[in-house]
Amino acid sequence: MHRRAGLVLCRSADVRGGRATHAVIVGNGIAGYTAALRLRHMQPEWRITMVSGESTFPFSRPALMYVFLGHMRYQDTKPYEDRVWRDVRIDLVRAWVEEIDVGGRRLSVGQHKIMEYDRLLLALGSKPNKFGWPGQDLDGVQGFYSLADLDRMTRTLRRTRRAVIVGGGLIGIELAEMLHSRGIPVTLLVRESSYWNNILPKEESEMVTALIRAAGFDLRLQTELKEVVDDGHGQASAVVTSTGERIECEFVGLTAGVSPNIELAKRCGLPVGRGVLVDRSLQTRDASVWAAGDCAEIVGEAGQRGLVQQVWYTGRMQGDVAAAGMAGSPRAYDPGVWFNSAKFLDLEYQVYGSVNLSVPGERSSYWERQDGRASLRLVHKDAALIGVNAMGLRLRHEVCERWIREAAPVHHVIENLSEANFDPEFFRRREPEIARALEGQLA
């Protein structure tokens, strides 16, 4: 056993036909680079190559917003210094994979280069949804997912006087905030009756809706995109909405969700559904191929919908599980208690467990601060906690996860709320009010 660049490497050899086993990872997002590092830890003698057409070195995708805002430099978004990859002997190839020959275990990479592999991980990520809108491929119409999107957006905004964002959710409000920072007026088209109400409970959705409007954004609810208008030179000049209104704009942001990137897997004959179909160990039907992260769909029990999870921490967990399978020590993926966190403008959001999922027999207790800038929801079934939704409060992950995992009695949770909060002073001031509101809804 020895150490290199902070990684503990266990000595073991796996040589095929006189050469080291070659593991190739397509994609260098959180799932891809987590798998690469874990695989190096488990198989020090293997040859490992990570291929990406987007960038040579891994970077933090959620941090692109802060690069745009000037709060971070691009090099600061990298999870490791560039030298680390050389130190741990992981080869980085900047190229797009064009085709996969699964039977021959070969990839067509870049300019007609052939790369052979023994183990292959597809960490292909996802892409912004498009729904066949006329004009959706014009210049000035784009999602916000990749480095190329950031570059394209920066160029387009030099001539942009007004912008329209299609769709809500976390990416939609982030994109609106980015445009607002440049002084560009923004209209958001959201088909729901309040912002992100397919994810947030009614009260929290209405809270976010009010926050967005108070920040000066033109939020159009129950309004959809009908078409993007061509200026005659292949560039967006306006949108037409489902109400028939024409809104002049030079930039159209598409944030109506994302879909797994499955085209490469589909072309090579691997089974796909919404994502690349895998079992609980993240192995595909082919014994030499795995998939992880945004692009993977874990096949459920008969009659159950497959599981696609597209958040940062599940990508990291899946990368770890895929590497274990590739190294010959497969284990089942178990994400544990669901968790997500983000910000709507300056309003922090955290969710744990089952919230707004209409679980049979569930009830919820809800408190909201009078100014509409903080709330707490406890979701419970048979008096046991199954979910927590917090807005404007920062909760301790390990405490909320433990309460849900152990099915803590909701009365116990209410009596011990201060244990979960990062701001004890706030809870000392507010805890009696919060506890009374939550307890009063349990009767």
Protein backbone atom coordinates (compact mmCIF):
# COMPACT_ATOMS: atom_id res chain seq x y z
CA MET A 1 0.00 0.00 0.00
CA HIS A 2 1.29 3.51 -0.75
CA ARG A 3 -0.03 7.06 -1.04
CA ARG A 4 -0.11 9.42 -3.99
CA ALA A 5 -1.80 12.85 -4.10
CA GLY A 6 -3.79 12.09 -0.99
CA LEU A 7 -5.13 8.76 -2.25
CA VAL A 8 -4.42 5.44 -0.58
CA LEU A 9 -3.50 2.95 -3.31
CA CYS A 10 -3.77 -0.78 -2.59
CA ARG A 11 -1.34 -2.96 -4.50
CA SER A 12 -2.99 -5.49 -6.78
CA ALA A 13 -2.24 -6.51 -10.32
CA ASP A 14 -4.70 -7.35 -13.06
CA VAL A 15 -2.96 -7.98 -16.34
CA ARG A 16 -4.76 -9.25 -19.43
CA GLY A 17 -2.75 -10.84 -22.19
CA GLY A 18 0.47 -9.18 -21.03
CA ARG A 19 -1.05 -5.71 -20.67
CA ALA A 20 -2.77 -3.86 -17.88
CA THR A 21 -6.55 -3.81 -17.85
CA HIS A 22 -7.77 -0.59 -19.48
CA ALA A 23 -10.76 1.20 -17.95
CA VAL A 24 -12.26 4.07 -19.95
CA ILE A 25 -14.64 6.62 -18.49
CA VAL A 26 -16.64 8.74 -20.94
CA GLY A 27 -17.55 12.00 -19.22
CA ASN A 28 -15.68 13.96 -16.54
CA GLY A 29 -18.51 15.30 -14.38
CA ILE A 30 -18.97 14.38 -10.74
CA ALA A 31 -19.90 10.74 -11.51
CA GLY A 32 -17.04 10.33 -13.98
CA TYR A 33 -14.19 11.77 -11.96
CA THR A 34 -15.40 10.17 -8.72
CA ALA A 35 -15.33 6.80 -10.48
CA ALA A 36 -11.86 7.44 -11.90
CA LEU A 37 -10.35 8.24 -8.50
CA ARG A 38 -12.11 5.37 -6.73
CA LEU A 39 -11.03 2.94 -9.44
CA ARG A 40 -7.43 4.08 -9.11
CA HIS A 41 -7.65 3.44 -5.37
CA MET A 42 -9.01 -0.07 -5.95
CA GLN A 43 -6.85 -1.01 -8.95
CA PRO A 44 -3.46 0.76 -8.77
CA GLU A 45 -1.99 -1.09 -11.77
CA TRP A 46 -4.81 -0.55 -14.22
CA ARG A 47 -4.61 1.93 -17.03
CA ILE A 48 -7.41 4.50 -16.58
CA THR A 49 -8.50 7.02 -19.20
CA MET A 50 -11.16 9.71 -18.80
CA VAL A 51 -12.53 11.15 -22.05
CA SER A 52 -14.53 14.37 -22.43
CA GLY A 53 -15.22 16.61 -25.38
CA GLU A 54 -16.25 19.47 -23.10
CA SER A 55 -13.08 20.07 -21.10
CA THR A 56 -9.73 18.46 -20.40
CA PHE A 57 -10.00 18.76 -16.63
CA PRO A 58 -13.06 18.13 -14.45
CA PHE A 59 -14.83 21.21 -13.10
CA SER A 60 -17.84 21.97 -10.91
CA ARG A 61 -20.89 22.45 -13.13
CA PRO A 62 -22.97 24.23 -10.44
CA ALA A 63 -20.18 26.81 -10.12
CA LEU A 64 -20.56 28.09 -13.71
CA MET A 65 -23.11 30.62 -12.46
CA TYR A 66 -20.50 32.11 -10.14
CA VAL A 67 -17.93 32.30 -12.94
CA PHE A 68 -20.45 34.34 -14.95
CA LEU A 69 -21.17 36.60 -11.95
CA GLY A 70 -17.45 37.19 -11.44
CA HIS A 71 -17.42 35.56 -8.01
CA MET A 72 -15.07 32.76 -9.11
CA ARG A 73 -12.46 32.13 -11.76
CA TYR A 74 -12.85 29.09 -13.99
CA GLN A 75 -9.72 27.49 -12.52
CA ASP A 76 -11.29 27.78 -9.07
CA THR A 77 -14.14 25.48 -10.15
CA LYS A 78 -11.79 22.52 -10.57
CA PRO A 79 -12.10 20.00 -7.72
CA TYR A 80 -8.39 19.14 -7.91
CA GLU A 81 -5.25 20.82 -9.16
CA ASP A 82 -4.37 19.80 -12.71
CA ARG A 83 -1.22 17.95 -11.59
CA VAL A 84 -3.25 15.51 -9.47
CA TRP A 85 -4.45 13.59 -12.51
CA ARG A 86 -0.89 13.05 -13.68
CA ASP A 87 0.20 12.12 -10.16
CA VAL A 88 -2.44 9.37 -9.89
CA ARG A 89 -1.82 8.22 -13.48
CA ILE A 90 -5.26 8.95 -14.90
CA ASP A 91 -5.01 9.93 -18.56
CA LEU A 92 -7.26 12.80 -19.65
CA VAL A 93 -8.34 12.96 -23.29
CA ARG A 94 -10.15 16.00 -24.70
CA ALA A 95 -12.33 14.56 -27.48
CA TRP A 96 -15.89 13.50 -28.22
CA VAL A 97 -16.65 9.79 -28.41
CA GLU A 98 -18.42 9.24 -31.72
CA GLU A 99 -19.24 5.52 -31.61
CA ILE A 100 -18.95 2.49 -29.33
CA ASP A 101 -18.32 -1.02 -30.64
CA VAL A 102 -19.56 -2.96 -27.62
CA GLY A 103 -18.78 -6.38 -29.08
CA GLY A 104 -15.23 -5.38 -30.01
CA ARG A 105 -14.75 -3.21 -26.91
CA ARG A 106 -13.58 -0.25 -28.96
CA LEU A 107 -14.41 3.46 -29.04
CA SER A 108 -14.18 5.84 -31.98
CA VAL A 109 -12.71 8.97 -30.41
CA GLY A 110 -12.17 12.35 -32.04
CA GLN A 111 -10.47 12.30 -35.43
CA HIS A 112 -11.04 8.64 -36.25
CA LYS A 113 -8.89 7.43 -33.36
CA ILE A 114 -9.71 3.96 -32.03
CA MET A 115 -9.44 3.36 -28.29
CA GLU A 116 -9.75 -0.16 -26.88
CA TYR A 117 -11.14 -0.83 -23.41
CA ASP A 118 -11.72 -3.69 -20.99
CA ARG A 119 -14.16 -1.81 -18.74
CA LEU A 120 -16.26 1.14 -19.84
CA LEU A 121 -18.22 3.66 -17.79
CA LEU A 122 -20.73 5.96 -19.46
CA ALA A 123 -21.06 9.16 -17.41
CA LEU A 124 -22.67 11.13 -20.23
CA GLY A 125 -24.64 13.67 -18.21
CA SER A 126 -27.84 15.27 -19.42
CA LYS A 127 -29.05 17.94 -21.84
CA PRO A 128 -31.66 20.73 -21.65
CA ASN A 129 -35.09 19.69 -22.84
CA LYS A 130 -36.48 20.90 -26.15
CA PHE A 131 -40.07 20.20 -27.13
CA GLY A 132 -40.10 20.90 -30.85
CA TRP A 133 -40.83 24.61 -30.60
CA PRO A 134 -40.49 26.46 -33.92
CA GLY A 135 -37.24 28.43 -33.76
CA GLN A 136 -35.77 26.46 -30.86
CA ASP A 137 -32.44 26.06 -32.69
CA LEU A 138 -31.93 29.71 -33.63
CA ASP A 139 -28.87 31.62 -32.45
CA GLY A 140 -29.64 33.14 -29.07
CA VAL A 141 -31.73 30.16 -27.94
CA GLN A 142 -29.98 27.84 -25.49
CA GLY A 143 -29.96 26.00 -22.21
CA PHE A 144 -27.44 26.52 -19.44
CA TYR A 145 -25.61 23.32 -18.65
CA SER A 146 -22.14 23.23 -20.17
CA LEU A 147 -19.00 25.31 -20.60
CA ALA A 148 -20.03 25.84 -24.22
CA ASP A 149 -23.38 27.20 -22.98
CA LEU A 150 -21.55 29.70 -20.77
CA ASP A 151 -19.36 30.85 -23.67
CA ARG A 152 -22.31 31.09 -26.06
CA MET A 153 -24.40 33.00 -23.54
CA THR A 154 -21.58 35.48 -22.88
CA ARG A 155 -21.30 36.23 -26.60
CA THR A 156 -25.06 36.54 -27.14
CA LEU A 157 -25.54 38.94 -24.23
CA ARG A 158 -23.32 41.53 -25.89
CA ARG A 159 -26.24 42.28 -28.20
CA THR A 160 -29.10 41.41 -25.84
CA ARG A 161 -31.52 44.09 -24.68
CA ARG A 162 -34.18 41.76 -23.28
CA ALA A 163 -34.32 38.07 -22.37
CA VAL A 164 -37.01 35.43 -21.96
CA ILE A 165 -36.59 32.28 -19.87
CA VAL A 166 -38.80 29.29 -20.64
CA GLY A 167 -39.46 27.06 -17.65
CA GLY A 168 -38.99 27.36 -13.92
CA GLY A 169 -37.06 25.39 -11.37
CA LEU A 170 -33.61 26.02 -9.98
CA ILE A 171 -31.81 26.59 -13.28
CA GLY A 172 -34.48 29.04 -14.42
CA ILE A 173 -34.11 31.32 -11.42
CA GLU A 174 -30.30 31.06 -11.52
CA LEU A 175 -30.31 32.11 -15.15
CA ALA A 176 -32.66 35.00 -14.36
CA GLU A 177 -30.32 36.16 -11.60
CA MET A 178 -27.34 36.01 -13.97
CA LEU A 179 -29.11 38.13 -16.58
CA HIS A 180 -30.34 40.57 -13.93
CA SER A 181 -26.72 41.10 -12.83
CA ARG A 182 -26.01 42.52 -16.33
CA GLY A 183 -29.00 44.85 -16.18
CA ILE A 184 -30.97 42.83 -18.74
CA PRO A 185 -34.77 42.78 -18.20
CA VAL A 186 -36.06 39.22 -17.87
CA THR A 187 -39.45 37.61 -18.48
CA LEU A 188 -40.01 34.08 -17.16
CA LEU A 189 -42.64 31.85 -18.80
CA VAL A 190 -43.88 29.19 -16.37
CA ARG A 191 -46.72 26.84 -17.27
CA GLU A 192 -47.66 26.07 -13.63
CA SER A 193 -49.91 28.25 -11.48
CA SER A 194 -47.02 29.04 -9.11
CA TYR A 195 -43.25 28.63 -9.33
CA TRP A 196 -41.94 25.03 -9.23
CA ASN A 197 -45.17 23.72 -7.73
CA ASN A 198 -44.54 20.29 -9.24
CA ILE A 199 -41.73 19.97 -6.67
CA LEU A 200 -42.52 22.40 -3.86
CA PRO A 201 -45.65 22.21 -1.70
CA LYS A 202 -48.24 24.91 -2.36
CA GLU A 203 -47.21 27.35 0.39
CA GLU A 204 -43.48 27.18 -0.38
CA SER A 205 -44.15 27.54 -4.11
CA GLU A 206 -46.22 30.65 -3.45
CA MET A 207 -43.45 32.00 -1.22
CA VAL A 208 -40.89 31.62 -4.02
CA THR A 209 -43.33 33.14 -6.53
CA ALA A 210 -43.70 36.24 -4.34
CA LEU A 211 -39.93 36.46 -3.87
CA ILE A 212 -39.28 36.37 -7.62
CA ARG A 213 -41.79 39.12 -8.30
CA ALA A 214 -40.50 41.25 -5.41
CA ALA A 215 -37.03 41.06 -7.00
CA GLY A 216 -38.42 42.76 -10.12
CA PHE A 217 -38.70 39.83 -12.51
CA ASP A 218 -41.59 39.67 -14.96
CA LEU A 219 -43.05 36.26 -14.05
CA ARG A 220 -45.80 34.97 -16.35
CA LEU A 221 -47.60 32.01 -14.78
CA GLN A 222 -49.71 29.50 -16.72
CA THR A 223 -47.94 30.71 -19.84
CA GLU A 224 -45.95 28.59 -22.28
CA LEU A 225 -43.69 29.14 -25.26
CA LYS A 226 -45.37 28.78 -28.63
CA GLU A 227 -42.51 29.78 -30.95
CA VAL A 228 -39.26 31.71 -31.23
CA VAL A 229 -39.26 34.31 -34.01
CA ASP A 230 -36.40 34.44 -36.54
CA ASP A 231 -35.04 37.92 -37.32
CA GLY A 232 -34.39 36.78 -40.89
CA HIS A 233 -30.71 36.09 -40.23
CA GLY A 234 -30.99 33.00 -38.08
CA GLN A 235 -31.12 34.82 -34.77
CA ALA A 236 -33.89 35.04 -32.19
CA SER A 237 -35.75 38.35 -32.17
CA ALA A 238 -38.90 37.58 -30.15
CA VAL A 239 -41.05 34.85 -28.68
CA VAL A 240 -44.75 34.22 -29.08
CA THR A 241 -46.47 32.82 -25.98
CA SER A 242 -49.42 30.49 -25.57
CA THR A 243 -51.58 33.55 -24.89
CA GLY A 244 -50.65 34.98 -28.29
CA GLU A 245 -48.44 37.73 -26.86
CA ARG A 246 -45.25 38.64 -28.70
CA ILE A 247 -42.28 39.54 -26.48
CA GLU A 248 -39.25 41.10 -28.18
CA CYS A 249 -35.98 39.53 -27.03
CA GLU A 250 -32.53 38.54 -28.28
CA PHE A 251 -31.87 35.78 -25.77
CA VAL A 252 -34.12 32.81 -24.95
CA GLY A 253 -33.07 30.53 -22.09
CA LEU A 254 -34.52 27.00 -22.13
CA THR A 255 -34.81 25.71 -18.55
CA ALA A 256 -37.76 23.32 -18.82
CA GLY A 257 -35.83 20.47 -17.23
CA VAL A 258 -33.11 18.17 -18.54
CA SER A 259 -33.06 14.67 -20.04
CA PRO A 260 -30.37 11.98 -19.83
CA ASN A 261 -27.89 11.88 -22.71
CA ILE A 262 -28.60 8.47 -24.22
CA GLU A 263 -27.85 8.88 -27.94
CA LEU A 264 -24.39 7.31 -27.81
CA ALA A 265 -25.64 4.30 -25.83
CA LYS A 266 -28.66 3.94 -28.07
CA ARG A 267 -26.55 3.91 -31.25
CA CYS A 268 -24.35 1.10 -29.94
CA GLY A 269 -27.34 -1.08 -29.03
CA LEU A 270 -27.33 -0.78 -25.25
CA PRO A 271 -30.85 -0.85 -23.76
CA VAL A 272 -32.21 2.61 -22.97
CA GLY A 273 -35.42 4.03 -21.50
CA ARG A 274 -35.41 7.52 -20.13
CA GLY A 275 -31.73 6.84 -19.42
CA VAL A 276 -29.15 4.13 -20.03
CA LEU A 277 -30.68 1.09 -18.33
CA VAL A 278 -28.61 -0.39 -15.49
CA ASP A 279 -29.11 -2.74 -12.55
CA ARG A 280 -28.57 -1.79 -8.89
CA SER A 281 -24.80 -2.17 -9.32
CA LEU A 282 -25.03 0.26 -12.28
CA GLN A 283 -24.00 -2.39 -14.81
CA THR A 284 -25.69 -2.40 -18.21
CA ARG A 285 -26.79 -5.51 -20.06
CA ASP A 286 -23.23 -5.76 -21.38
CA ALA A 287 -20.89 -7.16 -18.72
CA SER A 288 -18.10 -4.71 -19.62
CA VAL A 289 -20.17 -1.50 -19.55
CA TRP A 290 -21.55 0.57 -16.65
CA ALA A 291 -23.44 3.88 -16.53
CA ALA A 292 -23.66 6.45 -13.73
CA GLY A 293 -24.89 9.95 -12.95
CA ASP A 294 -27.46 11.95 -14.88
CA CYS A 295 -27.55 9.52 -17.82
CA ALA A 296 -28.29 6.34 -15.84
CA GLU A 297 -31.71 4.80 -15.22
CA ILE A 298 -31.79 2.12 -12.55
CA VAL A 299 -34.30 -0.53 -13.56
CA GLY A 300 -37.03 -0.96 -10.95
CA GLU A 301 -39.03 -3.98 -9.93
CA ALA A 302 -41.58 -5.30 -12.43
CA GLY A 303 -44.12 -2.61 -13.13
CA GLN A 304 -42.15 0.12 -11.33
CA ARG A 305 -40.76 3.22 -13.01
CA GLY A 306 -36.97 3.25 -13.31
CA LEU A 307 -34.96 5.60 -11.09
CA VAL A 308 -33.19 8.60 -12.63
CA GLN A 309 -31.43 10.88 -10.13
CA GLN A 310 -29.80 14.07 -11.37
CA VAL A 311 -28.31 15.90 -8.42
CA TRP A 312 -24.67 16.35 -7.44
CA TYR A 313 -24.47 14.08 -4.42
CA THR A 314 -26.20 11.13 -6.13
CA GLY A 315 -23.79 11.52 -9.04
CA ARG A 316 -20.90 11.20 -6.62
CA MET A 317 -22.44 8.12 -4.96
CA GLN A 318 -23.12 6.47 -8.31
CA GLY A 319 -19.57 7.11 -9.48
CA ASP A 320 -18.32 5.31 -6.40
CA VAL A 321 -20.67 2.33 -6.91
CA ALA A 322 -19.83 2.04 -10.62
CA ALA A 323 -16.10 1.99 -9.85
CA ALA A 324 -16.62 -0.83 -7.35
CA GLY A 325 -18.39 -2.89 -9.98
CA MET A 326 -15.74 -2.19 -12.61
CA ALA A 327 -13.03 -3.22 -10.14
CA GLY A 328 -14.73 -6.56 -9.50
CA SER A 329 -16.39 -5.77 -6.16
CA PRO A 330 -19.98 -4.91 -7.15
CA ARG A 331 -22.40 -3.52 -4.60
CA ALA A 332 -25.94 -2.19 -4.80
CA TYR A 333 -26.56 1.52 -5.13
CA ASP A 334 -28.45 2.84 -2.11
CA PRO A 335 -28.92 6.63 -2.07
CA GLY A 336 -30.32 6.61 1.45
CA VAL A 337 -32.52 9.50 2.56
CA TRP A 338 -33.25 11.85 -0.35
CA PHE A 339 -31.66 15.28 -0.02
CA ASN A 340 -31.32 18.41 -2.12
CA SER A 341 -30.37 22.01 -1.44
CA ALA A 342 -30.23 25.19 -3.48
CA LYS A 343 -31.02 28.89 -3.40
CA PHE A 344 -33.88 30.85 -4.91
CA LEU A 345 -32.16 34.24 -5.21
CA ASP A 346 -31.11 34.77 -1.56
CA LEU A 347 -33.59 32.26 -0.10
CA GLU A 348 -31.97 28.98 0.92
CA TYR A 349 -33.84 25.75 0.29
CA GLN A 350 -33.32 22.28 1.76
CA VAL A 351 -35.40 19.14 1.39
CA TYR A 352 -34.97 15.78 3.12
CA GLY A 353 -36.92 12.58 2.57
CA SER A 354 -40.48 12.52 1.23
CA VAL A 355 -42.00 15.95 0.63
CA ASN A 356 -44.87 16.70 -1.77
CA LEU A 357 -44.91 13.09 -3.00
CA SER A 358 -48.50 12.30 -1.92
CA VAL A 359 -47.53 9.31 0.21
CA PRO A 360 -50.74 7.54 1.34
CA GLY A 361 -51.53 8.48 4.93
CA GLU A 362 -49.04 11.34 5.12
CA ARG A 363 -49.73 14.58 6.97
CA SER A 364 -47.68 17.73 7.32
CA SER A 365 -47.21 20.49 9.87
CA TYR A 366 -46.16 23.87 8.52
CA TRP A 367 -44.81 27.12 9.94
CA GLU A 368 -44.10 30.28 7.93
CA ARG A 369 -42.57 33.49 9.17
CA GLN A 370 -44.86 36.49 8.87
CA ASP A 371 -42.67 38.24 6.28
CA GLY A 372 -42.70 35.18 4.02
CA ARG A 373 -38.91 34.76 4.13
CA ALA A 374 -38.65 31.52 6.12
CA SER A 375 -40.68 28.36 6.59
CA LEU A 376 -40.45 24.85 7.96
CA ARG A 377 -42.53 21.83 7.00
CA LEU A 378 -42.47 18.46 8.77
CA VAL A 379 -44.06 15.60 6.83
CA HIS A 380 -45.08 12.61 8.92
CA LYS A 381 -46.91 9.32 8.64
CA ASP A 382 -48.27 7.41 11.63
CA ALA A 383 -46.70 10.13 13.82
CA ALA A 384 -43.19 9.34 12.45
CA LEU A 385 -41.13 11.86 10.46
CA ILE A 386 -40.72 11.05 6.75
CA GLY A 387 -39.77 14.44 5.28
CA VAL A 388 -38.51 17.96 6.03
CA ASN A 389 -38.73 21.05 3.83
CA ALA A 390 -36.95 24.23 4.95
CA MET A 391 -36.92 27.65 3.30
CA GLY A 392 -34.70 30.40 4.66
CA LEU A 393 -33.39 28.10 7.40
CA ARG A 394 -30.14 26.17 7.34
CA LEU A 395 -30.56 22.74 8.89
CA ARG A 396 -27.97 20.17 9.89
CA HIS A 397 -27.94 17.40 7.32
CA GLU A 398 -26.88 14.62 9.68
CA VAL A 399 -29.66 15.44 12.18
CA CYS A 400 -32.49 15.53 9.63
CA GLU A 401 -31.24 12.38 7.94
CA ARG A 402 -31.04 10.54 11.27
CA TRP A 403 -34.54 11.59 12.29
CA ILE A 404 -35.99 10.30 9.02
CA ARG A 405 -33.91 7.13 8.91
CA GLU A 406 -34.91 6.28 12.48
CA ALA A 407 -38.57 7.30 11.95
CA ALA A 408 -38.34 9.74 14.85
CA PRO A 409 -41.69 10.65 16.45
CA VAL A 410 -42.76 14.02 15.13
CA HIS A 411 -43.39 15.28 18.69
CA HIS A 412 -39.76 14.49 19.51
CA VAL A 413 -38.60 16.37 16.40
CA ILE A 414 -40.60 19.47 17.34
CA GLU A 415 -39.25 19.39 20.90
CA ASN A 416 -35.68 19.19 19.59
CA LEU A 417 -35.73 21.51 16.58
CA SER A 418 -32.77 23.50 17.88
CA GLU A 419 -30.61 20.39 17.44
CA ALA A 420 -31.06 20.63 13.68
CA ASN A 421 -30.53 24.36 13.18
CA PHE A 422 -27.23 26.07 12.33
CA ASP A 423 -28.42 29.36 13.84
CA PRO A 424 -29.10 28.76 17.54
CA GLU A 425 -29.78 32.45 18.17
CA PHE A 426 -32.57 32.46 15.57
CA PHE A 427 -34.15 29.37 17.11
CA ARG A 428 -33.94 30.76 20.63
CA ARG A 429 -35.99 33.71 19.40
CA ARG A 430 -38.39 31.74 17.21
CA GLU A 431 -38.54 28.21 18.61
CA PRO A 432 -41.61 28.71 20.85
CA GLU A 433 -43.53 30.23 17.94
CA ILE A 434 -42.45 27.48 15.52
CA ALA A 435 -43.17 24.70 18.00
CA ARG A 436 -46.65 26.06 18.81
CA ALA A 437 -47.51 26.32 15.11
CA LEU A 438 -46.31 22.80 14.32
CA GLU A 439 -47.76 21.15 17.43
CA GLY A 440 -51.09 22.86 16.89
CA GLN A 441 -51.49 21.05 13.56
CA LEU A 442 -50.89 17.58 15.01
CA ALA A 443 -54.22 17.27 16.81
